[in-house]
Amino acid sequence: MDVRIETHPNPPLAGMSEIVVIVTGLHGKPIQDMTVSLRGNDAMPWVQAIQDGYMGAYRRAIDIGSGDNALIQVRLQQGMEQKTLLFPLKLSAG
């Protein structure tokens, strides 16, 4: 499984940004039967991303915090399996 994220805007700004999580499997085939949740740090609640079609893309706007850097947490759940991935981001000065 390959997981990558995109941010809108790119580079992301402090505060609210849209995060798109793209999940692909063998030979780049989209994985579409997942529950994907996001949060900006441990103190923030998890929010579920919305599946965008059947392309393996899941999107949600979240508060990514402030400062120069952010660490986006992405929780993937498929059936009973669950894993959390961390994606460090450098924030734009604005």
N, C-alpha and C. Protein backbone atom coordinates (compact mmCIF):
# COMPACT_ATOMS: atom_id res chain seq x y z
N MET A 1 0.85 -1.18 0.00
CA MET A 1 0.00 0.00 0.00
C MET A 1 0.90 1.24 0.00
N ASP A 2 0.55 2.20 -0.84
CA ASP A 2 1.26 3.46 -0.91
C ASP A 2 0.30 4.57 -0.50
N VAL A 3 0.75 5.43 0.41
CA VAL A 3 -0.09 6.52 0.90
C VAL A 3 0.68 7.81 0.73
N ARG A 4 0.07 8.79 0.09
CA ARG A 4 0.70 10.12 -0.02
C ARG A 4 -0.37 11.17 0.24
N ILE A 5 0.09 12.37 0.57
CA ILE A 5 -0.86 13.44 0.80
C ILE A 5 -0.52 14.62 -0.10
N GLU A 6 -1.55 15.41 -0.39
CA GLU A 6 -1.41 16.68 -1.07
C GLU A 6 -2.10 17.72 -0.20
N THR A 7 -1.63 18.94 -0.25
CA THR A 7 -2.26 20.01 0.51
C THR A 7 -2.73 21.09 -0.44
N HIS A 8 -3.82 21.73 -0.07
CA HIS A 8 -4.35 22.88 -0.82
C HIS A 8 -4.61 23.97 0.20
N PRO A 9 -3.88 25.07 0.18
CA PRO A 9 -2.84 25.44 -0.78
C PRO A 9 -1.56 24.64 -0.56
N ASN A 10 -0.67 24.75 -1.54
CA ASN A 10 0.62 24.08 -1.46
C ASN A 10 1.71 25.10 -1.74
N PRO A 11 2.59 25.40 -0.81
CA PRO A 11 2.70 24.82 0.53
C PRO A 11 1.55 25.28 1.42
N PRO A 12 1.23 24.47 2.44
CA PRO A 12 0.10 24.81 3.31
C PRO A 12 0.38 26.03 4.18
N LEU A 13 -0.70 26.70 4.54
CA LEU A 13 -0.63 27.84 5.46
C LEU A 13 -1.04 27.36 6.84
N ALA A 14 -0.60 28.08 7.87
CA ALA A 14 -1.05 27.78 9.23
C ALA A 14 -2.57 27.94 9.28
N GLY A 15 -3.21 27.16 10.11
CA GLY A 15 -4.67 27.20 10.22
C GLY A 15 -5.30 26.14 9.33
N MET A 16 -6.42 26.48 8.70
CA MET A 16 -7.16 25.50 7.90
C MET A 16 -6.53 25.29 6.53
N SER A 17 -6.34 24.03 6.18
CA SER A 17 -5.88 23.63 4.85
C SER A 17 -6.60 22.36 4.46
N GLU A 18 -6.80 22.17 3.18
CA GLU A 18 -7.40 20.94 2.70
C GLU A 18 -6.29 19.91 2.52
N ILE A 19 -6.53 18.71 3.05
CA ILE A 19 -5.60 17.61 2.93
C ILE A 19 -6.26 16.54 2.06
N VAL A 20 -5.55 16.10 1.03
CA VAL A 20 -6.03 15.00 0.19
C VAL A 20 -5.09 13.82 0.42
N VAL A 21 -5.66 12.70 0.85
CA VAL A 21 -4.91 11.47 1.08
C VAL A 21 -5.18 10.55 -0.10
N ILE A 22 -4.12 10.09 -0.75
CA ILE A 22 -4.26 9.22 -1.91
C ILE A 22 -3.67 7.87 -1.53
N VAL A 23 -4.51 6.82 -1.63
CA VAL A 23 -4.12 5.48 -1.20
C VAL A 23 -4.20 4.55 -2.41
N THR A 24 -3.05 3.94 -2.74
CA THR A 24 -3.01 3.00 -3.85
C THR A 24 -2.39 1.69 -3.40
N GLY A 25 -2.74 0.65 -4.11
CA GLY A 25 -2.24 -0.68 -3.81
C GLY A 25 -1.35 -1.18 -4.92
N LEU A 26 -1.40 -2.48 -5.13
CA LEU A 26 -0.58 -3.15 -6.12
C LEU A 26 -0.77 -2.53 -7.51
N HIS A 27 0.33 -2.23 -8.19
CA HIS A 27 0.34 -1.65 -9.53
C HIS A 27 -0.39 -0.30 -9.59
N GLY A 28 -0.43 0.44 -8.48
CA GLY A 28 -1.05 1.77 -8.46
C GLY A 28 -2.56 1.77 -8.47
N LYS A 29 -3.17 0.60 -8.22
CA LYS A 29 -4.64 0.51 -8.23
C LYS A 29 -5.20 1.23 -6.99
N PRO A 30 -6.19 2.11 -7.17
CA PRO A 30 -6.77 2.84 -6.03
C PRO A 30 -7.39 1.90 -5.01
N ILE A 31 -7.20 2.22 -3.74
CA ILE A 31 -7.86 1.49 -2.65
C ILE A 31 -9.02 2.34 -2.19
N GLN A 32 -10.22 1.80 -2.30
CA GLN A 32 -11.40 2.60 -2.08
C GLN A 32 -12.28 2.15 -0.92
N ASP A 33 -11.93 1.09 -0.23
CA ASP A 33 -12.79 0.60 0.85
C ASP A 33 -12.17 0.87 2.21
N MET A 34 -11.73 2.11 2.41
CA MET A 34 -11.06 2.49 3.66
C MET A 34 -11.84 3.59 4.36
N THR A 35 -11.61 3.68 5.65
CA THR A 35 -12.03 4.84 6.41
C THR A 35 -10.75 5.61 6.72
N VAL A 36 -10.69 6.86 6.30
CA VAL A 36 -9.50 7.69 6.49
C VAL A 36 -9.88 8.85 7.40
N SER A 37 -9.12 9.04 8.48
CA SER A 37 -9.35 10.13 9.41
C SER A 37 -8.06 10.94 9.55
N LEU A 38 -8.21 12.22 9.87
CA LEU A 38 -7.07 13.14 9.94
C LEU A 38 -7.13 13.96 11.21
N ARG A 39 -5.97 14.45 11.63
CA ARG A 39 -5.89 15.46 12.67
C ARG A 39 -4.53 16.14 12.61
N GLY A 40 -4.47 17.36 13.16
CA GLY A 40 -3.27 18.15 13.10
C GLY A 40 -2.29 17.87 14.22
N ASN A 41 -2.77 17.37 15.37
CA ASN A 41 -1.88 16.98 16.47
C ASN A 41 -2.66 16.12 17.46
N ASP A 42 -1.97 15.62 18.49
CA ASP A 42 -2.60 14.70 19.45
C ASP A 42 -3.77 15.31 20.21
N ALA A 43 -3.76 16.63 20.38
CA ALA A 43 -4.82 17.28 21.15
C ALA A 43 -6.10 17.50 20.35
N MET A 44 -6.02 17.37 19.04
CA MET A 44 -7.19 17.61 18.18
C MET A 44 -7.97 16.32 17.98
N PRO A 45 -9.29 16.44 17.81
CA PRO A 45 -10.09 15.23 17.55
C PRO A 45 -9.86 14.73 16.13
N TRP A 46 -10.02 13.44 15.94
CA TRP A 46 -9.97 12.86 14.60
C TRP A 46 -11.20 13.31 13.82
N VAL A 47 -11.03 13.63 12.54
CA VAL A 47 -12.16 13.95 11.66
C VAL A 47 -12.05 13.06 10.43
N GLN A 48 -13.19 12.52 10.03
CA GLN A 48 -13.18 11.58 8.91
C GLN A 48 -13.11 12.32 7.58
N ALA A 49 -12.25 11.84 6.71
CA ALA A 49 -12.15 12.39 5.36
C ALA A 49 -13.28 11.84 4.50
N ILE A 50 -13.58 12.56 3.44
CA ILE A 50 -14.65 12.16 2.52
C ILE A 50 -14.02 11.53 1.29
N GLN A 51 -14.52 10.35 0.92
CA GLN A 51 -14.00 9.68 -0.26
C GLN A 51 -14.40 10.47 -1.50
N ASP A 52 -13.44 10.72 -2.37
CA ASP A 52 -13.66 11.50 -3.59
C ASP A 52 -13.72 10.54 -4.77
N GLY A 53 -14.92 10.12 -5.11
CA GLY A 53 -15.08 9.15 -6.19
C GLY A 53 -14.52 7.80 -5.80
N TYR A 54 -14.08 7.06 -6.77
CA TYR A 54 -13.50 5.73 -6.53
C TYR A 54 -12.05 5.71 -6.99
N MET A 55 -11.34 6.82 -6.74
CA MET A 55 -9.97 6.98 -7.20
C MET A 55 -8.95 6.75 -6.10
N GLY A 56 -9.39 6.32 -4.92
CA GLY A 56 -8.47 6.14 -3.80
C GLY A 56 -8.09 7.45 -3.15
N ALA A 57 -8.86 8.51 -3.41
CA ALA A 57 -8.59 9.83 -2.84
C ALA A 57 -9.62 10.14 -1.76
N TYR A 58 -9.13 10.68 -0.65
CA TYR A 58 -9.97 11.04 0.49
C TYR A 58 -9.57 12.45 0.89
N ARG A 59 -10.54 13.35 1.09
CA ARG A 59 -10.19 14.74 1.36
C ARG A 59 -10.95 15.31 2.55
N ARG A 60 -10.30 16.29 3.18
CA ARG A 60 -10.92 16.97 4.32
C ARG A 60 -10.10 18.22 4.64
N ALA A 61 -10.76 19.30 4.99
CA ALA A 61 -10.08 20.49 5.48
C ALA A 61 -9.92 20.33 6.99
N ILE A 62 -8.69 20.57 7.47
CA ILE A 62 -8.44 20.47 8.90
C ILE A 62 -7.56 21.63 9.34
N ASP A 63 -7.56 21.87 10.64
CA ASP A 63 -6.66 22.87 11.24
C ASP A 63 -5.31 22.18 11.43
N ILE A 64 -4.31 22.65 10.71
CA ILE A 64 -2.99 22.01 10.81
C ILE A 64 -2.09 22.71 11.82
N GLY A 65 -2.63 23.68 12.54
CA GLY A 65 -1.86 24.34 13.58
C GLY A 65 -1.14 25.57 13.06
N SER A 66 -0.17 26.02 13.82
CA SER A 66 0.56 27.23 13.46
C SER A 66 2.05 26.99 13.67
N GLY A 67 2.84 27.98 13.30
CA GLY A 67 4.29 27.84 13.42
C GLY A 67 4.92 27.59 12.07
N ASP A 68 6.12 27.08 12.07
CA ASP A 68 6.84 26.83 10.83
C ASP A 68 6.60 25.42 10.28
N ASN A 69 6.23 24.49 11.17
CA ASN A 69 6.07 23.09 10.78
C ASN A 69 4.78 22.52 11.35
N ALA A 70 4.29 21.47 10.70
CA ALA A 70 3.12 20.75 11.18
C ALA A 70 3.37 19.26 11.00
N LEU A 71 2.65 18.45 11.75
CA LEU A 71 2.75 17.01 11.64
C LEU A 71 1.32 16.48 11.49
N ILE A 72 0.94 16.14 10.27
CA ILE A 72 -0.40 15.65 9.99
C ILE A 72 -0.45 14.16 10.34
N GLN A 73 -1.47 13.79 11.10
CA GLN A 73 -1.69 12.38 11.44
C GLN A 73 -2.81 11.85 10.55
N VAL A 74 -2.55 10.72 9.90
CA VAL A 74 -3.52 10.09 9.02
C VAL A 74 -3.78 8.68 9.55
N ARG A 75 -5.03 8.42 9.89
CA ARG A 75 -5.41 7.09 10.39
C ARG A 75 -6.18 6.36 9.28
N LEU A 76 -5.69 5.19 8.91
CA LEU A 76 -6.31 4.37 7.88
C LEU A 76 -6.93 3.15 8.53
N GLN A 77 -8.18 2.88 8.18
CA GLN A 77 -8.84 1.69 8.71
C GLN A 77 -9.49 0.94 7.56
N GLN A 78 -9.18 -0.35 7.49
CA GLN A 78 -9.75 -1.23 6.48
C GLN A 78 -10.14 -2.51 7.18
N GLY A 79 -11.42 -2.72 7.32
CA GLY A 79 -11.89 -3.87 8.11
C GLY A 79 -11.46 -3.69 9.55
N MET A 80 -10.81 -4.69 10.12
CA MET A 80 -10.36 -4.62 11.51
C MET A 80 -8.94 -4.06 11.62
N GLU A 81 -8.26 -3.88 10.50
CA GLU A 81 -6.89 -3.37 10.51
C GLU A 81 -6.90 -1.84 10.57
N GLN A 82 -6.00 -1.31 11.38
CA GLN A 82 -5.89 0.14 11.52
C GLN A 82 -4.43 0.52 11.68
N LYS A 83 -4.02 1.61 11.02
CA LYS A 83 -2.66 2.12 11.20
C LYS A 83 -2.69 3.63 11.12
N THR A 84 -1.74 4.26 11.80
CA THR A 84 -1.62 5.71 11.80
C THR A 84 -0.27 6.08 11.20
N LEU A 85 -0.31 7.00 10.24
CA LEU A 85 0.89 7.49 9.58
C LEU A 85 1.08 8.96 9.91
N LEU A 86 2.33 9.41 9.94
CA LEU A 86 2.65 10.79 10.25
C LEU A 86 3.31 11.44 9.03
N PHE A 87 2.85 12.65 8.69
CA PHE A 87 3.38 13.38 7.54
C PHE A 87 3.82 14.75 8.00
N PRO A 88 5.15 14.99 8.09
CA PRO A 88 5.64 16.32 8.47
C PRO A 88 5.49 17.30 7.29
N LEU A 89 5.08 18.53 7.60
CA LEU A 89 4.91 19.56 6.58
C LEU A 89 5.62 20.83 7.02
N LYS A 90 6.18 21.52 6.07
CA LYS A 90 6.73 22.86 6.33
C LYS A 90 5.66 23.85 5.89
N LEU A 91 5.28 24.75 6.79
CA LEU A 91 4.21 25.70 6.49
C LEU A 91 4.77 26.94 5.81
N SER A 92 3.94 27.49 4.94
CA SER A 92 4.32 28.72 4.24
C SER A 92 4.28 29.89 5.21
N ALA A 93 5.15 30.85 4.99
CA ALA A 93 5.18 32.04 5.84
C ALA A 93 3.95 32.92 5.60
N GLY A 94 3.22 32.66 4.52
CA GLY A 94 1.98 33.38 4.26
C GLY A 94 2.22 34.53 3.40
